[in-house]
Amino acid sequence: MGYRFRFREPVDVEFRAIALEQIRLCHDAAQATGVDIAHEIRRHCKKQQALLRLVRGSFPDHAREQRVVRDAGRELAALRDVAAHRDALARLRQRDAQRYAVPELERAEAWLAGVQQSDTVMRKEAVAVQRALDRLDRQRDRLSAWTLEKHGFCALSDGFAHTYRLGRQRLAQVIDEPTADNFHELRKYVKHHRFHLELLQSLWKRPIGAAVEEVELLGEWLGEHHDLHVLAIALGDESRGADRIDPVWLGELTRPEMSRLERRALGVARRVYAEKPSRMCTRFGVYWQACEQQEQQGSECTFTSSESAL
């Protein structure tokens, strides 16, 4: 059915169907070849978390079920970190091959590749994937009993506005104190907001779809920023002994790229979070009402460029 509400069934029926599909997709990812299995399963876990956040105002068990999905994703977090470190190094070289073609980083790449491809890591991945799937399977067993206490957009509005409001607060923290940790906190809520927009994209496909693309890009920049930060920590870890890279030198090397990502991200984030949560929620509520009216009239819920919901 895709990751979105479509108005063909009551909202709680679609909620359960979307949740069930995310668990199925986690199983599909575990059986796939040629993909980063840990990354794919964690991506669907994050989508499941965002869905549960969206219904927080009408689903009494949302907090417990969010913890289940969060813990499933954490089973795979350490495995994903190694791949993220390698990706961060690759992006640095793409950005400026001459600047980052230094022996220390070449040794770091060889070390990361060895860790990622080691038999120990492969065995750990198999165990972690199974543990994550076991958690999700237990959630699936409860899923048929999930019910929402509200109907229509009222079932989603509290979670939609709450998550957006927290994102605005995290942006204010970043502006006041632009630390790597604060940027990472902002990224978490950007991802949730992006998934919420995906879930609501059927309300007005092209404009909301364009917003999804912008918020996704913002999330990618914040993700790259975080990857560079944790890469510097990992390569400067004293436990690496002789393979350790001077963290001060590495920080000076990565700082220009992190600063560039910060500037780009803040420019988009200010626009993403320019609207007050109450106004944004009201606007999407009107979109929902318009779509319900169109559905009752038997026409597809699609606005043209000349139509407006407000």
Protein backbone atom coordinates (compact mmCIF):
# COMPACT_ATOMS: atom_id res chain seq x y z
CA MET A 1 0.00 0.00 0.00
CA GLY A 2 2.96 2.32 0.39
CA TYR A 3 3.99 4.50 3.30
CA ARG A 4 1.01 6.88 3.34
CA PHE A 5 -2.60 7.24 4.39
CA ARG A 6 -4.97 6.98 1.41
CA PHE A 7 -8.52 7.49 2.79
CA ARG A 8 -9.77 4.18 1.38
CA GLU A 9 -10.33 2.77 4.87
CA PRO A 10 -10.82 4.24 8.37
CA VAL A 11 -7.62 5.76 9.72
CA ASP A 12 -7.02 3.01 12.27
CA VAL A 13 -7.29 0.32 9.57
CA GLU A 14 -4.71 2.12 7.45
CA PHE A 15 -2.53 2.67 10.52
CA ARG A 16 -2.37 -1.07 11.17
CA ALA A 17 -1.77 -1.85 7.49
CA ILE A 18 1.15 0.58 7.24
CA ALA A 19 2.69 -0.78 10.45
CA LEU A 20 2.34 -4.37 9.27
CA GLU A 21 3.98 -3.51 5.96
CA GLN A 22 7.03 -1.99 7.66
CA ILE A 23 7.60 -5.23 9.59
CA ARG A 24 7.24 -7.23 6.39
CA LEU A 25 9.76 -4.97 4.65
CA CYS A 26 12.24 -5.58 7.48
CA HIS A 27 11.98 -9.31 6.80
CA ASP A 28 12.37 -8.69 3.06
CA ALA A 29 15.52 -6.64 3.70
CA ALA A 30 16.99 -9.44 5.82
CA GLN A 31 16.67 -11.82 2.87
CA ALA A 32 17.92 -9.38 0.20
CA THR A 33 21.29 -9.55 -1.49
CA GLY A 34 23.50 -6.67 -2.56
CA VAL A 35 22.11 -4.25 0.04
CA ASP A 36 23.22 -2.96 3.42
CA ILE A 37 20.86 -5.13 5.47
CA ALA A 38 21.45 -3.29 8.75
CA HIS A 39 20.76 0.06 7.11
CA GLU A 40 17.58 -1.14 5.40
CA ILE A 41 16.10 -2.68 8.54
CA ARG A 42 16.94 0.38 10.61
CA ARG A 43 15.31 2.60 7.97
CA HIS A 44 12.04 0.71 8.22
CA CYS A 45 12.29 0.74 12.02
CA LYS A 46 12.58 4.53 11.92
CA LYS A 47 9.54 4.71 9.67
CA GLN A 48 7.66 2.57 12.16
CA GLN A 49 8.74 4.85 15.00
CA ALA A 50 7.56 7.91 13.09
CA LEU A 51 4.19 6.27 12.42
CA LEU A 52 3.78 5.54 16.12
CA ARG A 53 4.77 9.12 16.97
CA LEU A 54 2.09 10.37 14.60
CA VAL A 55 -0.70 8.57 16.50
CA ARG A 56 0.59 9.40 19.99
CA GLY A 57 -2.57 11.39 20.80
CA SER A 58 -4.94 8.52 20.02
CA PHE A 59 -2.99 5.29 20.58
CA PRO A 60 -2.48 4.57 24.31
CA ASP A 61 0.32 2.03 23.70
CA HIS A 62 2.37 4.26 21.41
CA ALA A 63 5.23 4.76 23.91
CA ARG A 64 5.65 1.04 24.60
CA GLU A 65 5.53 0.10 20.92
CA GLN A 66 7.98 2.88 20.04
CA ARG A 67 10.46 1.43 22.52
CA VAL A 68 10.11 -1.99 20.88
CA VAL A 69 11.00 -0.57 17.46
CA ARG A 70 13.75 1.64 18.90
CA ASP A 71 15.37 -1.37 20.59
CA ALA A 72 15.10 -3.41 17.38
CA GLY A 73 16.96 -0.67 15.52
CA ARG A 74 19.60 -0.42 18.24
CA GLU A 75 20.45 -4.08 17.77
CA LEU A 76 21.95 -3.03 14.42
CA ALA A 77 23.34 0.41 15.28
CA ALA A 78 26.95 -0.61 15.88
CA LEU A 79 27.05 -2.54 12.62
CA ARG A 80 25.73 0.45 10.73
CA ASP A 81 28.34 2.76 12.28
CA VAL A 82 31.25 1.09 10.45
CA ALA A 83 29.51 1.48 7.09
CA ALA A 84 28.69 5.11 7.94
CA HIS A 85 32.35 5.79 8.72
CA ARG A 86 33.42 4.42 5.33
CA ASP A 87 30.71 6.44 3.58
CA ALA A 88 31.90 9.60 5.33
CA LEU A 89 35.46 9.02 4.14
CA ALA A 90 34.27 8.39 0.58
CA ARG A 91 32.28 11.63 0.56
CA LEU A 92 35.30 13.59 1.78
CA ARG A 93 37.37 12.31 -1.11
CA GLN A 94 34.63 13.06 -3.60
CA ARG A 95 34.45 16.57 -2.25
CA ASP A 96 38.20 17.26 -2.55
CA ALA A 97 40.28 14.30 -3.72
CA GLN A 98 43.59 16.14 -3.40
CA ARG A 99 43.00 17.47 0.11
CA TYR A 100 41.90 14.10 1.49
CA ALA A 101 44.39 11.88 -0.36
CA VAL A 102 46.64 11.56 2.68
CA PRO A 103 48.28 8.36 3.97
CA GLU A 104 46.50 8.52 7.34
CA LEU A 105 43.06 8.42 5.74
CA GLU A 106 44.10 5.69 3.33
CA ARG A 107 45.16 3.56 6.31
CA ALA A 108 41.89 4.42 8.05
CA GLU A 109 39.90 3.26 5.01
CA ALA A 110 41.81 -0.03 4.91
CA TRP A 111 41.21 -0.54 8.64
CA LEU A 112 37.46 0.20 8.34
CA ALA A 113 37.13 -2.12 5.35
CA GLY A 114 38.81 -4.89 7.29
CA VAL A 115 36.51 -4.42 10.27
CA GLN A 116 33.37 -4.35 8.10
CA GLN A 117 34.31 -7.49 6.19
CA SER A 118 35.66 -9.53 9.11
CA ASP A 119 34.09 -12.86 10.00
CA THR A 120 33.39 -11.57 13.51
CA VAL A 121 31.31 -8.67 12.21
CA MET A 122 29.48 -10.94 9.77
CA ARG A 123 28.51 -13.27 12.60
CA LYS A 124 27.45 -10.36 14.78
CA GLU A 125 25.30 -9.01 11.96
CA ALA A 126 23.46 -12.30 11.56
CA VAL A 127 22.75 -12.46 15.28
CA ALA A 128 21.73 -8.79 15.49
CA VAL A 129 19.40 -9.06 12.50
CA GLN A 130 17.65 -12.08 14.01
CA ARG A 131 17.29 -10.37 17.39
CA ALA A 132 15.78 -7.30 15.72
CA LEU A 133 13.35 -9.41 13.70
CA ASP A 134 12.33 -11.34 16.81
CA ARG A 135 11.37 -8.07 18.53
CA LEU A 136 9.37 -6.96 15.50
CA ASP A 137 7.64 -10.33 15.22
CA ARG A 138 6.41 -10.04 18.79
CA GLN A 139 5.08 -6.59 17.92
CA ARG A 140 3.35 -8.03 14.86
CA ASP A 141 1.57 -10.54 17.10
CA ARG A 142 -0.02 -7.62 19.01
CA LEU A 143 -0.70 -5.48 15.97
CA SER A 144 -4.18 -6.79 15.11
CA ALA A 145 -5.42 -5.47 18.48
CA TRP A 146 -4.13 -1.93 17.93
CA THR A 147 -6.98 0.59 17.94
CA LEU A 148 -7.10 4.38 17.82
CA GLU A 149 -9.32 6.38 20.15
CA LYS A 150 -9.97 9.14 17.60
CA HIS A 151 -10.98 9.31 13.96
CA GLY A 152 -9.78 11.11 10.85
CA PHE A 153 -7.08 13.75 11.15
CA CYS A 154 -7.87 14.12 14.87
CA ALA A 155 -6.14 10.76 15.34
CA LEU A 156 -2.91 12.17 13.89
CA SER A 157 -2.92 15.90 14.62
CA ASP A 158 -1.43 15.76 18.12
CA GLY A 159 1.55 13.67 17.05
CA PHE A 160 2.07 15.73 13.90
CA ALA A 161 2.15 19.05 15.77
CA HIS A 162 4.12 17.65 18.74
CA THR A 163 6.94 16.28 16.60
CA TYR A 164 7.12 19.47 14.54
CA ARG A 165 7.18 21.58 17.71
CA LEU A 166 10.09 19.57 19.12
CA GLY A 167 11.96 20.04 15.83
CA ARG A 168 11.54 23.81 16.13
CA GLN A 169 12.89 23.66 19.66
CA ARG A 170 15.92 21.67 18.52
CA LEU A 171 16.56 24.20 15.76
CA ALA A 172 16.50 27.02 18.33
CA GLN A 173 19.08 25.09 20.39
CA VAL A 174 21.32 24.66 17.35
CA ILE A 175 21.14 28.38 16.57
CA ASP A 176 22.01 29.25 20.17
CA GLU A 177 24.68 26.55 20.55
CA PRO A 178 25.79 24.95 17.25
CA THR A 179 27.43 21.83 18.69
CA ALA A 180 27.65 18.48 16.91
CA ASP A 181 25.33 16.93 19.52
CA ASN A 182 22.69 19.63 18.99
CA PHE A 183 22.84 19.18 15.22
CA HIS A 184 22.36 15.45 15.75
CA GLU A 185 19.32 16.04 17.97
CA LEU A 186 17.83 18.27 15.28
CA ARG A 187 18.42 15.55 12.71
CA LYS A 188 16.30 13.06 14.67
CA TYR A 189 13.24 15.30 14.53
CA VAL A 190 13.86 16.29 10.92
CA LYS A 191 13.66 12.60 10.01
CA HIS A 192 10.44 12.12 11.95
CA HIS A 193 8.89 15.18 10.31
CA ARG A 194 9.94 13.97 6.89
CA PHE A 195 8.26 10.61 7.48
CA HIS A 196 5.13 12.35 8.72
CA LEU A 197 5.00 14.36 5.51
CA GLU A 198 5.36 11.12 3.54
CA LEU A 199 2.48 9.59 5.48
CA LEU A 200 0.31 12.63 4.65
CA GLN A 201 1.48 13.16 1.09
CA SER A 202 -1.81 11.95 -0.41
CA LEU A 203 -3.43 15.11 0.97
CA TRP A 204 -1.78 17.20 -1.77
CA LYS A 205 0.72 15.14 -3.69
CA ARG A 206 2.90 17.63 -5.54
CA PRO A 207 3.36 20.39 -2.93
CA ILE A 208 3.81 17.97 -0.02
CA GLY A 209 6.01 15.80 -2.22
CA ALA A 210 8.24 18.82 -2.87
CA ALA A 211 8.39 19.46 0.88
CA VAL A 212 9.37 15.82 1.47
CA GLU A 213 12.29 16.22 -0.95
CA GLU A 214 13.55 19.36 0.80
CA VAL A 215 13.25 17.85 4.28
CA GLU A 216 14.92 14.66 3.06
CA LEU A 217 17.83 16.71 1.71
CA LEU A 218 18.08 18.53 5.04
CA GLY A 219 18.21 15.16 6.80
CA GLU A 220 20.96 13.97 4.48
CA TRP A 221 23.12 17.01 5.20
CA LEU A 222 22.61 16.61 8.94
CA GLY A 223 23.40 12.90 8.59
CA GLU A 224 26.64 13.62 6.77
CA HIS A 225 27.55 16.14 9.47
CA HIS A 226 26.97 13.53 12.19
CA ASP A 227 28.91 10.87 10.27
CA LEU A 228 31.95 13.14 10.08
CA HIS A 229 31.71 13.85 13.79
CA VAL A 230 31.56 10.17 14.81
CA LEU A 231 34.21 9.28 12.21
CA ALA A 232 36.66 11.65 13.91
CA ILE A 233 35.86 10.11 17.29
CA ALA A 234 36.27 6.55 15.99
CA LEU A 235 39.58 7.20 14.23
CA GLY A 236 40.96 9.08 17.22
CA ASP A 237 40.00 6.36 19.69
CA GLU A 238 42.98 5.57 21.91
CA SER A 239 42.11 1.87 21.87
CA ARG A 240 43.27 1.75 18.23
CA GLY A 241 46.85 2.15 19.45
CA ALA A 242 49.29 2.78 16.60
CA ASP A 243 46.41 3.06 14.13
CA ARG A 244 44.98 6.01 16.02
CA ILE A 245 44.83 9.32 14.15
CA ASP A 246 45.55 12.58 15.95
CA PRO A 247 42.01 13.86 16.71
CA VAL A 248 43.10 17.49 16.61
CA TRP A 249 44.59 17.09 13.13
CA LEU A 250 41.56 15.11 11.96
CA GLY A 251 39.20 17.73 13.36
CA GLU A 252 40.99 20.46 11.47
CA LEU A 253 40.76 18.37 8.32
CA THR A 254 37.02 17.70 8.59
CA ARG A 255 35.95 21.05 10.04
CA PRO A 256 35.58 22.92 6.69
CA GLU A 257 33.21 20.26 5.35
CA MET A 258 31.21 20.20 8.58
CA SER A 259 30.93 24.00 8.50
CA ARG A 260 29.68 23.89 4.92
CA LEU A 261 27.03 21.33 5.86
CA GLU A 262 25.98 23.42 8.85
CA ARG A 263 25.42 26.51 6.71
CA ARG A 264 23.41 24.63 4.11
CA ALA A 265 21.34 22.79 6.72
CA LEU A 266 20.49 25.89 8.73
CA GLY A 267 19.30 27.73 5.64
CA VAL A 268 16.79 24.98 4.83
CA ALA A 269 15.87 24.23 8.46
CA ARG A 270 14.79 27.82 9.07
CA ARG A 271 12.31 27.50 6.20
CA VAL A 272 11.13 24.01 7.20
CA TYR A 273 10.37 25.23 10.72
CA ALA A 274 9.16 28.74 9.85
CA GLU A 275 5.49 27.97 10.56
CA LYS A 276 3.94 27.75 14.01
CA PRO A 277 2.88 24.17 14.85
CA SER A 278 -0.74 25.17 15.43
CA ARG A 279 -1.00 26.91 12.05
CA MET A 280 0.65 24.04 10.23
CA CYS A 281 -1.63 21.53 11.92
CA THR A 282 -4.71 23.58 11.04
CA ARG A 283 -3.60 23.79 7.42
CA PHE A 284 -3.14 20.04 7.11
CA GLY A 285 -6.47 19.51 8.84
CA VAL A 286 -8.16 21.55 6.10
CA TYR A 287 -6.35 19.47 3.47
CA TRP A 288 -7.68 16.34 5.15
CA GLN A 289 -11.26 17.66 5.17
CA ALA A 290 -11.00 18.54 1.49
CA CYS A 291 -9.76 15.05 0.67
CA GLU A 292 -12.54 13.43 2.68
CA GLN A 293 -15.09 15.47 0.75
CA GLN A 294 -13.56 14.45 -2.56
CA GLU A 295 -13.50 10.81 -1.47
CA GLN A 296 -17.18 10.98 -0.59
CA GLN A 297 -17.88 12.41 -4.04
CA GLY A 298 -16.00 9.53 -5.62
CA SER A 299 -13.11 11.57 -7.05
CA GLU A 300 -9.40 11.16 -6.39
CA CYS A 301 -7.89 13.42 -3.75
CA THR A 302 -5.64 15.57 -5.95
CA PHE A 303 -5.34 19.36 -6.04
CA THR A 304 -4.34 21.22 -9.18
CA SER A 305 -1.94 24.13 -9.11
CA SER A 306 -4.85 26.59 -9.22
CA GLU A 307 -6.65 25.10 -6.21
CA SER A 308 -6.04 25.98 -2.59
CA ALA A 309 -7.18 24.36 0.61
CA LEU A 310 -7.12 27.68 2.45
